[in-house]
């Protein structure tokens, strides 16, 4: 079951100094699912490399 998709957080950067100000989208989604709640937002902007199969 797919409950959300997109970036791991809302800061598309590799700068470690940006991490404290980032919204942890995946963490928040997992917490919502564990609590039986809907994931909001269920879609965020993806960034990074694509996965090739």
PDB file of N, CA and C in Angstrom:
ATOM      1  N   UNK A   1       0.841  -1.171   0.000  1.00  0.00           N
ATOM      2  CA  UNK A   1       0.000   0.000   0.000  1.00  0.00           C
ATOM      3  C   UNK A   1       0.893   1.243   0.000  1.00  0.00           C
ATOM      4  N   UNK A   2       0.684   2.093  -0.949  1.00  0.00           N
ATOM      5  CA  UNK A   2       1.421   3.351  -1.048  1.00  0.00           C
ATOM      6  C   UNK A   2       0.602   4.436  -0.352  1.00  0.00           C
ATOM      7  N   UNK A   3       1.199   5.055   0.673  1.00  0.00           N
ATOM      8  CA  UNK A   3       0.474   6.094   1.414  1.00  0.00           C
ATOM      9  C   UNK A   3       1.036   7.484   1.165  1.00  0.00           C
ATOM     10  N   UNK A   4       2.253   7.545   0.643  1.00  0.00           N
ATOM     11  CA  UNK A   4       2.833   8.839   0.285  1.00  0.00           C
ATOM     12  C   UNK A   4       3.950   8.619  -0.723  1.00  0.00           C
ATOM     13  N   UNK A   5       4.294   9.691  -1.422  1.00  0.00           N
ATOM     14  CA  UNK A   5       5.415   9.614  -2.350  1.00  0.00           C
ATOM     15  C   UNK A   5       6.053  10.987  -2.476  1.00  0.00           C
ATOM     16  N   UNK A   6       7.346  10.970  -2.744  1.00  0.00           N
ATOM     17  CA  UNK A   6       8.080  12.218  -2.909  1.00  0.00           C
ATOM     18  C   UNK A   6       9.411  12.191  -2.193  1.00  0.00           C
ATOM     19  N   UNK A   7       9.869  13.354  -1.808  1.00  0.00           N
ATOM     20  CA  UNK A   7      11.166  13.494  -1.163  1.00  0.00           C
ATOM     21  C   UNK A   7      11.151  13.063   0.289  1.00  0.00           C
ATOM     22  N   UNK A   8      12.320  12.730   0.803  1.00  0.00           N
ATOM     23  CA  UNK A   8      12.447  12.321   2.201  1.00  0.00           C
ATOM     24  C   UNK A   8      12.201  13.499   3.139  1.00  0.00           C
ATOM     25  N   UNK A   9      12.505  14.686   2.661  1.00  0.00           N
ATOM     26  CA  UNK A   9      12.217  15.908   3.407  1.00  0.00           C
ATOM     27  C   UNK A   9      11.941  17.032   2.410  1.00  0.00           C
ATOM     28  N   UNK A  10      11.799  18.244   2.891  1.00  0.00           N
ATOM     29  CA  UNK A  10      11.441  19.342   1.987  1.00  0.00           C
ATOM     30  C   UNK A  10      12.622  20.235   1.607  1.00  0.00           C
ATOM     31  N   UNK A  11      13.838  19.772   1.850  1.00  0.00           N
ATOM     32  CA  UNK A  11      15.034  20.554   1.508  1.00  0.00           C
ATOM     33  C   UNK A  11      15.877  19.778   0.497  1.00  0.00           C
ATOM     34  N   UNK A  12      15.764  20.072  -0.784  1.00  0.00           N
ATOM     35  CA  UNK A  12      16.542  19.350  -1.794  1.00  0.00           C
ATOM     36  C   UNK A  12      17.998  19.820  -1.843  1.00  0.00           C
ATOM     37  N   UNK A  13      18.719  19.534  -0.774  1.00  0.00           N
ATOM     38  CA  UNK A  13      20.103  19.957  -0.672  1.00  0.00           C
ATOM     39  C   UNK A  13      20.929  18.887   0.026  1.00  0.00           C
ATOM     40  N   UNK A  14      22.202  18.876  -0.212  1.00  0.00           N
ATOM     41  CA  UNK A  14      23.096  17.945   0.474  1.00  0.00           C
ATOM     42  C   UNK A  14      23.895  18.648   1.564  1.00  0.00           C
ATOM     43  N   UNK A  15      23.554  19.892   1.861  1.00  0.00           N
ATOM     44  CA  UNK A  15      24.245  20.657   2.886  1.00  0.00           C
ATOM     45  C   UNK A  15      23.748  20.219   4.272  1.00  0.00           C
ATOM     46  N   UNK A  16      24.624  19.649   5.109  1.00  0.00           N
ATOM     47  CA  UNK A  16      24.204  19.191   6.441  1.00  0.00           C
ATOM     48  C   UNK A  16      23.622  20.307   7.315  1.00  0.00           C
ATOM     49  N   UNK A  17      23.978  21.537   7.052  1.00  0.00           N
ATOM     50  CA  UNK A  17      23.447  22.651   7.847  1.00  0.00           C
ATOM     51  C   UNK A  17      21.971  22.900   7.570  1.00  0.00           C
ATOM     52  N   UNK A  18      21.438  22.374   6.474  1.00  0.00           N
ATOM     53  CA  UNK A  18      20.023  22.545   6.139  1.00  0.00           C
ATOM     54  C   UNK A  18      19.123  21.527   6.836  1.00  0.00           C
ATOM     55  N   UNK A  19      19.702  20.459   7.353  1.00  0.00           N
ATOM     56  CA  UNK A  19      18.907  19.377   7.940  1.00  0.00           C
ATOM     57  C   UNK A  19      18.041  19.834   9.121  1.00  0.00           C
ATOM     58  N   UNK A  20      18.563  20.612  10.063  1.00  0.00           N
ATOM     59  CA  UNK A  20      17.713  21.008  11.196  1.00  0.00           C
ATOM     60  C   UNK A  20      16.458  21.784  10.797  1.00  0.00           C
ATOM     61  N   UNK A  21      16.476  22.496   9.702  1.00  0.00           N
ATOM     62  CA  UNK A  21      15.310  23.264   9.271  1.00  0.00           C
ATOM     63  C   UNK A  21      14.393  22.523   8.328  1.00  0.00           C
ATOM     64  N   UNK A  22      14.705  21.279   8.016  1.00  0.00           N
ATOM     65  CA  UNK A  22      13.906  20.512   7.053  1.00  0.00           C
ATOM     66  C   UNK A  22      12.705  19.858   7.734  1.00  0.00           C
ATOM     67  N   UNK A  23      11.611  19.755   6.996  1.00  0.00           N
ATOM     68  CA  UNK A  23      10.443  19.016   7.465  1.00  0.00           C
ATOM     69  C   UNK A  23      10.658  17.545   7.121  1.00  0.00           C
ATOM     70  N   UNK A  24      10.650  16.640   8.111  1.00  0.00           N
ATOM     71  CA  UNK A  24      10.912  15.217   7.864  1.00  0.00           C
ATOM     72  C   UNK A  24       9.674  14.499   7.311  1.00  0.00           C
ATOM     73  N   UNK A  25       9.442  14.617   6.021  1.00  0.00           N
ATOM     74  CA  UNK A  25       8.226  14.097   5.390  1.00  0.00           C
ATOM     75  C   UNK A  25       8.023  12.600   5.610  1.00  0.00           C
ATOM     76  N   UNK A  26       9.053  11.809   5.438  1.00  0.00           N
ATOM     77  CA  UNK A  26       8.916  10.354   5.601  1.00  0.00           C
ATOM     78  C   UNK A  26       8.642  10.010   7.063  1.00  0.00           C
ATOM     79  N   UNK A  27       9.364  10.635   7.969  1.00  0.00           N
ATOM     80  CA  UNK A  27       9.139  10.397   9.403  1.00  0.00           C
ATOM     81  C   UNK A  27       7.694  10.732   9.786  1.00  0.00           C
ATOM     82  N   UNK A  28       7.215  11.883   9.319  1.00  0.00           N
ATOM     83  CA  UNK A  28       5.842  12.292   9.623  1.00  0.00           C
ATOM     84  C   UNK A  28       4.820  11.338   9.020  1.00  0.00           C
ATOM     85  N   UNK A  29       5.082  10.852   7.818  1.00  0.00           N
ATOM     86  CA  UNK A  29       4.169   9.901   7.168  1.00  0.00           C
ATOM     87  C   UNK A  29       4.120   8.586   7.936  1.00  0.00           C
ATOM     88  N   UNK A  30       5.269   8.084   8.347  1.00  0.00           N
ATOM     89  CA  UNK A  30       5.294   6.830   9.110  1.00  0.00           C
ATOM     90  C   UNK A  30       4.582   6.981  10.452  1.00  0.00           C
ATOM     91  N   UNK A  31       4.764   8.116  11.096  1.00  0.00           N
ATOM     92  CA  UNK A  31       4.088   8.363  12.374  1.00  0.00           C
ATOM     93  C   UNK A  31       2.573   8.415  12.184  1.00  0.00           C
ATOM     94  N   UNK A  32       2.115   9.051  11.111  1.00  0.00           N
ATOM     95  CA  UNK A  32       0.679   9.126  10.830  1.00  0.00           C
ATOM     96  C   UNK A  32       0.099   7.737  10.578  1.00  0.00           C
ATOM     97  N   UNK A  33       0.780   6.932   9.782  1.00  0.00           N
ATOM     98  CA  UNK A  33       0.304   5.575   9.483  1.00  0.00           C
ATOM     99  C   UNK A  33       0.263   4.740  10.767  1.00  0.00           C
ATOM    100  N   UNK A  34       1.280   4.850  11.598  1.00  0.00           N
ATOM    101  CA  UNK A  34       1.325   4.095  12.854  1.00  0.00           C
ATOM    102  C   UNK A  34       0.190   4.499  13.793  1.00  0.00           C
ATOM    103  N   UNK A  35      -0.240   5.750  13.704  1.00  0.00           N
ATOM    104  CA  UNK A  35      -1.330   6.242  14.550  1.00  0.00           C
ATOM    105  C   UNK A  35      -2.702   6.024  13.914  1.00  0.00           C
ATOM    106  N   UNK A  36      -2.732   5.416  12.719  1.00  0.00           N
ATOM    107  CA  UNK A  36      -3.993   5.159  12.037  1.00  0.00           C
ATOM    108  C   UNK A  36      -4.600   6.397  11.404  1.00  0.00           C
ATOM    109  N   UNK A  37      -3.775   7.391  11.125  1.00  0.00           N
ATOM    110  CA  UNK A  37      -4.251   8.633  10.533  1.00  0.00           C
ATOM    111  C   UNK A  37      -3.863   8.720   9.065  1.00  0.00           C
ATOM    112  N   UNK A  38      -4.515   9.613   8.357  1.00  0.00           N
ATOM    113  CA  UNK A  38      -4.169   9.857   6.955  1.00  0.00           C
ATOM    114  C   UNK A  38      -2.857  10.640   6.896  1.00  0.00           C
ATOM    115  N   UNK A  39      -2.066  10.385   5.871  1.00  0.00           N
ATOM    116  CA  UNK A  39      -0.804  11.094   5.671  1.00  0.00           C
ATOM    117  C   UNK A  39      -1.094  12.428   4.992  1.00  0.00           C
ATOM    118  N   UNK A  40      -0.586  13.497   5.595  1.00  0.00           N
ATOM    119  CA  UNK A  40      -0.791  14.836   5.034  1.00  0.00           C
ATOM    120  C   UNK A  40       0.498  15.626   5.165  1.00  0.00           C
ATOM    121  N   UNK A  41       1.122  15.971   4.064  1.00  0.00           N
ATOM    122  CA  UNK A  41       0.694  15.768   2.684  1.00  0.00           C
ATOM    123  C   UNK A  41       1.039  14.356   2.212  1.00  0.00           C
ATOM    124  N   UNK A  42       0.239  13.836   1.320  1.00  0.00           N
ATOM    125  CA  UNK A  42       0.482  12.489   0.797  1.00  0.00           C
ATOM    126  C   UNK A  42       1.437  12.507  -0.391  1.00  0.00           C
ATOM    127  N   UNK A  43       1.731  13.694  -0.897  1.00  0.00           N
ATOM    128  CA  UNK A  43       2.659  13.817  -2.014  1.00  0.00           C
ATOM    129  C   UNK A  43       3.530  15.054  -1.800  1.00  0.00           C
ATOM    130  N   UNK A  44       4.837  14.874  -1.959  1.00  0.00           N
ATOM    131  CA  UNK A  44       5.781  15.982  -1.859  1.00  0.00           C
ATOM    132  C   UNK A  44       6.657  15.987  -3.102  1.00  0.00           C
ATOM    133  N   UNK A  45       7.388  17.054  -3.289  1.00  0.00           N
ATOM    134  CA  UNK A  45       8.246  17.183  -4.467  1.00  0.00           C
ATOM    135  C   UNK A  45       9.446  16.232  -4.356  1.00  0.00           C
ATOM    136  N   UNK A  46       9.583  15.298  -5.281  1.00  0.00           N
ATOM    137  CA  UNK A  46      10.743  14.411  -5.248  1.00  0.00           C
ATOM    138  C   UNK A  46      11.998  15.147  -5.710  1.00  0.00           C
ATOM    139  N   UNK A  47      13.125  14.693  -5.241  1.00  0.00           N
ATOM    140  CA  UNK A  47      14.396  15.256  -5.692  1.00  0.00           C
ATOM    141  C   UNK A  47      15.463  14.173  -5.593  1.00  0.00           C
ATOM    142  N   UNK A  48      16.569  14.401  -6.224  1.00  0.00           N
ATOM    143  CA  UNK A  48      17.661  13.418  -6.223  1.00  0.00           C
ATOM    144  C   UNK A  48      17.700  12.645  -7.516  1.00  0.00           C
ATOM    145  N   UNK A  49      18.282  11.491  -7.452  1.00  0.00           N
ATOM    146  CA  UNK A  49      18.444  10.643  -8.640  1.00  0.00           C
ATOM    147  C   UNK A  49      17.276   9.702  -8.797  1.00  0.00           C
ATOM    148  N   UNK A  50      17.018   9.299 -10.029  1.00  0.00           N
ATOM    149  CA  UNK A  50      15.984   8.312 -10.284  1.00  0.00           C
ATOM    150  C   UNK A  50      16.553   6.927 -10.062  1.00  0.00           C
ATOM    151  N   UNK A  51      15.668   5.983  -9.844  1.00  0.00           N
ATOM    152  CA  UNK A  51      16.063   4.587  -9.676  1.00  0.00           C
ATOM    153  C   UNK A  51      15.855   3.889 -11.011  1.00  0.00           C
ATOM    154  N   UNK A  52      16.902   3.301 -11.514  1.00  0.00           N
ATOM    155  CA  UNK A  52      16.824   2.577 -12.796  1.00  0.00           C
ATOM    156  C   UNK A  52      16.692   1.096 -12.533  1.00  0.00           C
ATOM    157  N   UNK A  53      15.776   0.449 -13.243  1.00  0.00           N
ATOM    158  CA  UNK A  53      15.596  -1.000 -13.103  1.00  0.00           C
ATOM    159  C   UNK A  53      16.110  -1.689 -14.332  1.00  0.00           C
TER     160      UNK A  53
END
